[in-house]
N, C-alpha and C. Protein backbone atom coordinates (compact mmCIF):
# COMPACT_ATOMS: atom_id res chain seq x y z
N MET A 1 90.34 97.18 84.13
CA MET A 1 89.65 97.84 85.39
C MET A 1 88.33 98.30 84.69
N THR A 2 87.39 97.66 86.37
CA THR A 2 86.09 97.73 85.55
C THR A 2 86.07 99.01 87.12
N ASP A 3 84.53 99.67 86.21
CA ASP A 3 84.25 101.04 87.09
C ASP A 3 84.13 100.35 88.58
N GLY A 4 84.71 100.84 89.34
CA GLY A 4 84.68 100.49 91.21
C GLY A 4 86.31 100.07 91.83
N ASP A 5 86.68 100.20 90.49
CA ASP A 5 88.27 98.81 90.99
C ASP A 5 88.95 100.65 90.78
N ILE A 6 90.28 100.71 91.18
CA ILE A 6 91.03 101.69 91.57
C ILE A 6 92.67 101.05 91.80
N GLU A 7 93.52 101.55 91.02
CA GLU A 7 94.81 100.99 90.91
C GLU A 7 95.79 102.12 91.71
N ARG A 8 96.64 101.58 92.41
CA ARG A 8 97.47 102.92 93.35
C ARG A 8 98.69 102.11 93.60
N LYS A 9 99.27 102.83 93.49
CA LYS A 9 101.16 102.72 94.03
C LYS A 9 101.46 101.87 95.31
N ASP A 10 101.87 101.29 95.89
CA ASP A 10 101.48 101.44 97.53
C ASP A 10 103.03 101.25 97.99
N THR A 11 102.85 102.75 98.59
CA THR A 11 103.96 103.60 98.69
C THR A 11 104.89 103.12 100.42
N GLY A 12 104.12 102.62 101.17
CA GLY A 12 104.21 102.01 102.61
C GLY A 12 105.45 102.12 103.24
N ALA A 13 105.95 101.92 104.04
CA ALA A 13 107.33 101.13 104.94
C ALA A 13 107.51 100.05 104.52
N GLU A 14 106.05 99.43 104.40
CA GLU A 14 106.55 97.94 104.28
C GLU A 14 106.15 97.61 102.68
N ALA A 15 106.76 98.49 101.99
CA ALA A 15 106.13 98.30 100.43
C ALA A 15 107.71 97.36 100.05
N HIS A 16 107.35 96.02 98.97
CA HIS A 16 107.91 95.53 97.89
C HIS A 16 108.40 95.77 96.59
N PRO A 17 109.74 96.91 96.85
CA PRO A 17 109.94 96.63 94.75
C PRO A 17 108.58 96.11 93.74
N GLY A 18 107.78 96.77 93.09
CA GLY A 18 106.66 96.03 92.38
C GLY A 18 105.92 95.69 92.41
N ARG A 19 105.50 96.55 93.90
CA ARG A 19 104.01 96.30 94.57
C ARG A 19 103.82 96.90 94.14
N ARG A 20 102.36 96.54 93.86
CA ARG A 20 101.03 97.92 93.64
C ARG A 20 99.86 96.86 94.35
N VAL A 21 98.45 97.74 94.56
CA VAL A 21 97.59 97.45 95.17
C VAL A 21 96.22 97.73 94.30
N LYS A 22 95.55 96.91 93.63
CA LYS A 22 94.30 97.16 92.98
C LYS A 22 93.55 96.68 94.68
N ILE A 23 92.69 97.91 94.21
CA ILE A 23 91.89 97.81 94.96
C ILE A 23 89.79 97.79 94.82
N VAL A 24 89.17 96.22 95.23
CA VAL A 24 88.47 96.00 94.84
C VAL A 24 87.49 96.81 96.21
N LYS A 25 86.08 96.62 95.17
CA LYS A 25 84.47 97.01 96.12
C LYS A 25 83.72 96.12 95.88
N GLY A 26 82.88 95.62 96.27
CA GLY A 26 81.61 95.14 95.19
C GLY A 26 80.87 94.34 97.01
N THR A 27 79.83 93.48 96.96
CA THR A 27 78.73 92.93 97.76
C THR A 27 79.16 91.46 97.42
N VAL A 28 78.34 90.69 98.94
CA VAL A 28 78.54 88.70 98.95
C VAL A 28 77.40 89.20 99.65
N ALA A 29 77.33 87.95 99.58
CA ALA A 29 75.55 87.22 100.75
C ALA A 29 76.61 87.40 102.68
N ARG A 30 77.08 86.84 102.20
CA ARG A 30 77.64 86.77 103.54
C ARG A 30 79.52 86.88 103.19
N LEU A 31 79.46 87.13 104.92
CA LEU A 31 81.51 87.01 104.33
C LEU A 31 81.44 85.44 104.88
N ARG A 32 82.13 85.05 104.09
CA ARG A 32 82.29 83.59 103.58
C ARG A 32 83.88 83.39 102.61
N LEU A 33 84.79 82.27 102.63
CA LEU A 33 85.29 82.32 102.48
C LEU A 33 85.47 82.52 100.50
N ASP A 34 84.99 81.15 99.97
CA ASP A 34 84.50 81.12 98.74
C ASP A 34 83.69 82.59 98.04
N ALA A 35 82.88 83.69 99.01
CA ALA A 35 82.26 84.95 98.27
C ALA A 35 83.32 85.91 98.38
N VAL A 36 83.68 85.36 99.97
CA VAL A 36 84.66 87.47 98.98
C VAL A 36 86.41 86.22 98.25
N ALA A 37 86.63 85.70 98.47
CA ALA A 37 87.63 85.38 97.95
C ALA A 37 87.47 85.23 96.36
N SER A 38 86.16 85.36 96.01
CA SER A 38 86.00 85.35 94.57
C SER A 38 86.11 86.02 94.03
N LEU A 39 85.13 87.19 95.08
CA LEU A 39 85.30 88.66 94.50
C LEU A 39 86.22 88.96 94.61
N GLY A 40 87.36 88.87 95.03
CA GLY A 40 89.14 89.45 95.17
C GLY A 40 89.97 88.58 94.14
N PHE A 41 89.31 86.88 93.43
CA PHE A 41 90.33 86.94 92.23
C PHE A 41 89.58 86.80 91.02
N GLY A 42 88.53 87.50 90.54
CA GLY A 42 87.24 87.89 89.72
C GLY A 42 87.40 86.35 89.50
N MET A 43 86.75 85.49 90.04
CA MET A 43 86.40 84.21 88.77
C MET A 43 84.56 83.54 90.31
N SER A 44 84.46 82.64 89.80
CA SER A 44 82.85 82.16 90.44
C SER A 44 83.53 81.48 91.30
N ARG A 45 82.28 82.14 92.48
CA ARG A 45 82.25 81.29 94.29
C ARG A 45 81.97 79.32 93.39
N THR A 46 81.77 79.26 92.52
CA THR A 46 82.09 77.37 92.30
C THR A 46 83.01 77.42 92.08
N ALA A 47 84.16 77.74 91.42
CA ALA A 47 85.12 77.18 90.83
C ALA A 47 85.99 77.49 92.24
N MET A 48 86.16 79.01 92.71
CA MET A 48 86.56 79.51 93.97
C MET A 48 86.30 77.78 95.20
N ALA A 49 84.71 77.58 95.59
CA ALA A 49 84.75 76.32 96.55
C ALA A 49 85.88 74.89 96.61
N GLU A 50 85.86 74.97 95.31
CA GLU A 50 86.50 74.17 94.25
C GLU A 50 88.19 73.92 94.78
N GLU A 51 88.93 75.22 94.40
CA GLU A 51 90.07 75.68 94.99
C GLU A 51 90.73 75.27 95.97
N ILE A 52 89.20 75.52 96.86
CA ILE A 52 89.33 75.87 98.65
C ILE A 52 89.91 74.27 98.95
N ARG A 53 88.60 73.63 98.04
CA ARG A 53 88.45 72.16 98.72
C ARG A 53 89.39 71.87 98.24
N ARG A 54 89.95 71.62 97.26
CA ARG A 54 91.10 71.27 96.63
C ARG A 54 93.04 71.52 97.54
N GLY A 55 92.54 72.57 98.83
CA GLY A 55 94.10 72.78 99.36
C GLY A 55 94.44 73.63 98.75
N ARG A 56 94.01 74.86 97.89
CA ARG A 56 95.23 76.23 98.06
C ARG A 56 94.81 77.43 98.17
N VAL A 57 94.30 76.54 98.68
CA VAL A 57 93.57 78.86 99.43
C VAL A 57 94.22 78.82 100.82
N LYS A 58 94.78 79.52 101.35
CA LYS A 58 95.18 79.74 102.73
C LYS A 58 94.41 80.65 103.36
N VAL A 59 93.82 80.65 104.77
CA VAL A 59 94.23 82.19 105.72
C VAL A 59 94.50 82.84 106.68
N ASN A 60 95.52 83.81 106.83
CA ASN A 60 96.32 84.32 107.43
C ASN A 60 97.39 83.36 107.47
N GLY A 61 97.79 82.62 106.07
CA GLY A 61 98.25 81.65 106.49
C GLY A 61 98.94 80.15 107.01
N VAL A 62 97.31 79.37 106.26
CA VAL A 62 96.98 78.76 107.13
C VAL A 62 96.22 77.95 106.43
N GLN A 63 95.59 77.24 105.84
CA GLN A 63 95.21 76.55 104.16
C GLN A 63 93.38 75.83 105.44
N ARG A 64 93.27 76.20 104.60
CA ARG A 64 91.46 76.22 104.79
C ARG A 64 90.37 75.66 103.97
N LEU A 65 90.02 74.36 104.47
CA LEU A 65 89.00 73.15 103.26
C LEU A 65 87.85 73.42 103.45
N ASP A 66 86.87 74.92 104.15
CA ASP A 66 85.81 74.30 103.87
C ASP A 66 85.44 76.02 103.58
N PRO A 67 84.54 76.27 102.38
CA PRO A 67 84.41 76.83 101.19
C PRO A 67 83.79 78.38 102.32
N SER A 68 83.01 77.93 103.37
CA SER A 68 82.54 78.75 104.84
C SER A 68 83.13 78.63 105.79
N PHE A 69 84.16 78.53 105.39
CA PHE A 69 84.67 79.42 106.84
C PHE A 69 84.61 81.07 106.93
N ALA A 70 84.12 82.06 107.98
CA ALA A 70 83.81 83.47 107.94
C ALA A 70 84.97 84.37 108.14
N VAL A 71 85.33 84.65 107.40
CA VAL A 71 86.21 85.88 107.24
C VAL A 71 86.25 87.40 107.34
N LYS A 72 86.97 87.96 108.21
CA LYS A 72 87.30 88.85 108.58
C LYS A 72 87.76 90.67 107.92
N PRO A 73 87.93 91.74 108.80
CA PRO A 73 88.27 92.41 108.13
C PRO A 73 89.80 92.18 108.41
N SER A 74 90.66 92.44 107.86
CA SER A 74 92.13 92.11 107.32
C SER A 74 92.93 90.89 107.66
N ASP A 75 91.80 90.23 107.64
CA ASP A 75 92.24 88.45 107.21
C ASP A 75 93.19 88.44 105.41
N VAL A 76 93.75 88.13 105.42
CA VAL A 76 95.04 87.53 104.03
C VAL A 76 94.36 86.32 103.26
N MET A 77 93.83 86.51 102.82
CA MET A 77 93.35 85.29 101.80
C MET A 77 94.62 84.82 100.34
N THR A 78 94.70 83.46 99.80
CA THR A 78 96.29 83.29 99.75
C THR A 78 95.62 82.37 98.80
N LEU A 79 95.98 82.42 96.99
CA LEU A 79 95.21 81.01 96.16
C LEU A 79 96.90 80.70 95.50
N GLU A 80 97.40 79.77 95.75
CA GLU A 80 98.56 79.65 94.92
C GLU A 80 98.37 79.50 93.30
N GLY A 81 99.71 80.10 93.17
CA GLY A 81 100.27 80.94 91.87
C GLY A 81 98.87 82.23 91.34
N ARG A 82 98.54 82.47 91.87
CA ARG A 82 97.40 83.80 91.67
C ARG A 82 97.61 85.36 92.85
N GLY A 83 98.74 84.93 94.21
CA GLY A 83 98.22 86.15 95.36
C GLY A 83 97.44 86.12 95.86
N CYS A 84 97.69 87.45 96.61
CA CYS A 84 97.11 87.60 97.44
C CYS A 84 95.83 88.21 97.75
N VAL A 85 94.95 88.43 98.55
CA VAL A 85 93.33 89.28 98.72
C VAL A 85 92.68 90.05 100.29
N THR A 86 93.78 90.97 100.81
CA THR A 86 93.75 90.92 102.09
C THR A 86 92.03 92.14 102.52
N LEU A 87 91.61 91.28 103.21
CA LEU A 87 89.26 92.07 103.71
C LEU A 87 89.83 93.34 104.18
N THR A 88 89.54 94.32 103.56
CA THR A 88 90.24 95.60 104.02
C THR A 88 89.17 96.00 105.06
N GLY A 89 87.82 96.08 104.63
CA GLY A 89 87.02 96.23 105.21
C GLY A 89 85.66 96.30 105.53
N VAL A 90 84.67 95.96 106.43
CA VAL A 90 82.99 95.62 105.10
C VAL A 90 82.59 97.83 105.56
N ALA A 91 82.14 97.62 104.81
CA ALA A 91 80.55 98.81 104.59
C ALA A 91 79.46 99.76 104.66
N GLY A 92 79.50 98.18 105.54
CA GLY A 92 78.11 98.11 105.63
C GLY A 92 77.19 96.89 105.32
N GLU A 93 76.07 97.65 104.43
CA GLU A 93 74.90 96.87 103.94
C GLU A 93 74.93 97.47 102.87
N THR A 94 73.73 97.22 102.08
CA THR A 94 72.67 97.03 100.92
C THR A 94 71.25 97.21 101.78
N ARG A 95 70.27 97.44 100.77
CA ARG A 95 69.13 97.94 100.63
C ARG A 95 68.98 96.40 100.48
N LYS A 96 69.13 95.86 99.95
CA LYS A 96 68.49 94.50 99.62
C LYS A 96 69.77 93.27 100.74
N GLY A 97 70.41 93.32 101.29
CA GLY A 97 71.01 92.62 103.21
C GLY A 97 72.01 92.33 102.59
N ARG A 98 72.02 92.53 101.98
CA ARG A 98 73.95 92.37 101.01
C ARG A 98 75.87 92.96 101.75
N THR A 99 76.21 92.29 101.79
CA THR A 99 77.89 92.81 102.27
C THR A 99 78.48 93.49 101.87
N LEU A 100 78.98 95.02 101.98
CA LEU A 100 79.66 95.99 100.72
C LEU A 100 81.15 95.43 101.33
N VAL A 101 81.68 95.32 100.82
CA VAL A 101 83.12 94.64 101.33
C VAL A 101 83.85 95.46 100.62
N ASN A 102 85.61 95.93 100.81
CA ASN A 102 86.38 96.44 100.61
C ASN A 102 87.48 95.59 100.08
N LEU A 103 88.04 95.21 99.38
CA LEU A 103 89.06 94.49 99.62
C LEU A 103 90.67 94.99 99.10
N GLU A 104 92.01 94.61 98.53
CA GLU A 104 93.14 94.39 98.37
C GLU A 104 93.65 93.99 97.91
N ARG A 105 93.75 93.70 95.92
CA ARG A 105 94.69 92.72 95.96
C ARG A 105 95.86 93.29 95.14
N GLU A 106 96.70 92.22 95.82
CA GLU A 106 98.60 92.63 94.92
C GLU A 106 98.56 92.34 94.53
N VAL A 107 99.05 92.87 93.18
CA VAL A 107 99.11 92.68 91.77
C VAL A 107 100.35 93.58 90.87
N GLY A 108 101.28 92.59 90.59
CA GLY A 108 102.82 93.21 90.56
C GLY A 108 103.57 92.25 89.15
N ASP A 109 104.76 91.80 89.35
CA ASP A 109 105.39 91.08 88.14
C ASP A 109 104.93 89.51 88.74
N GLY A 110 104.65 89.50 87.35
CA GLY A 110 104.28 87.62 87.60
C GLY A 110 102.46 87.61 88.33
N LEU A 111 101.97 88.60 88.28
CA LEU A 111 100.60 88.05 89.25
C LEU A 111 99.44 88.97 88.19
């Protein structure tokens, strides 16, 4: 776990046994699928763009093949074999013009 990441047990009514959520905070240049998903899954944007082009990424259950697809708060990004990441919020802009984002990554058994 890196600085800025907070791990908490999800106790909501919709919680699944063994499901935990890891909070990821960071910045992206634009709210593009490849940028946001790469931050959430902890991989390079280039590698994520390749996964998207291969058809391994879904947004809200719909396969997306365009790495520049615009994501918005509450979108759920799923990567085959790696779980899912939810864009929970956009927290503004930095002085350099980057967008601050908050993500929740589902972690648990096998993830």
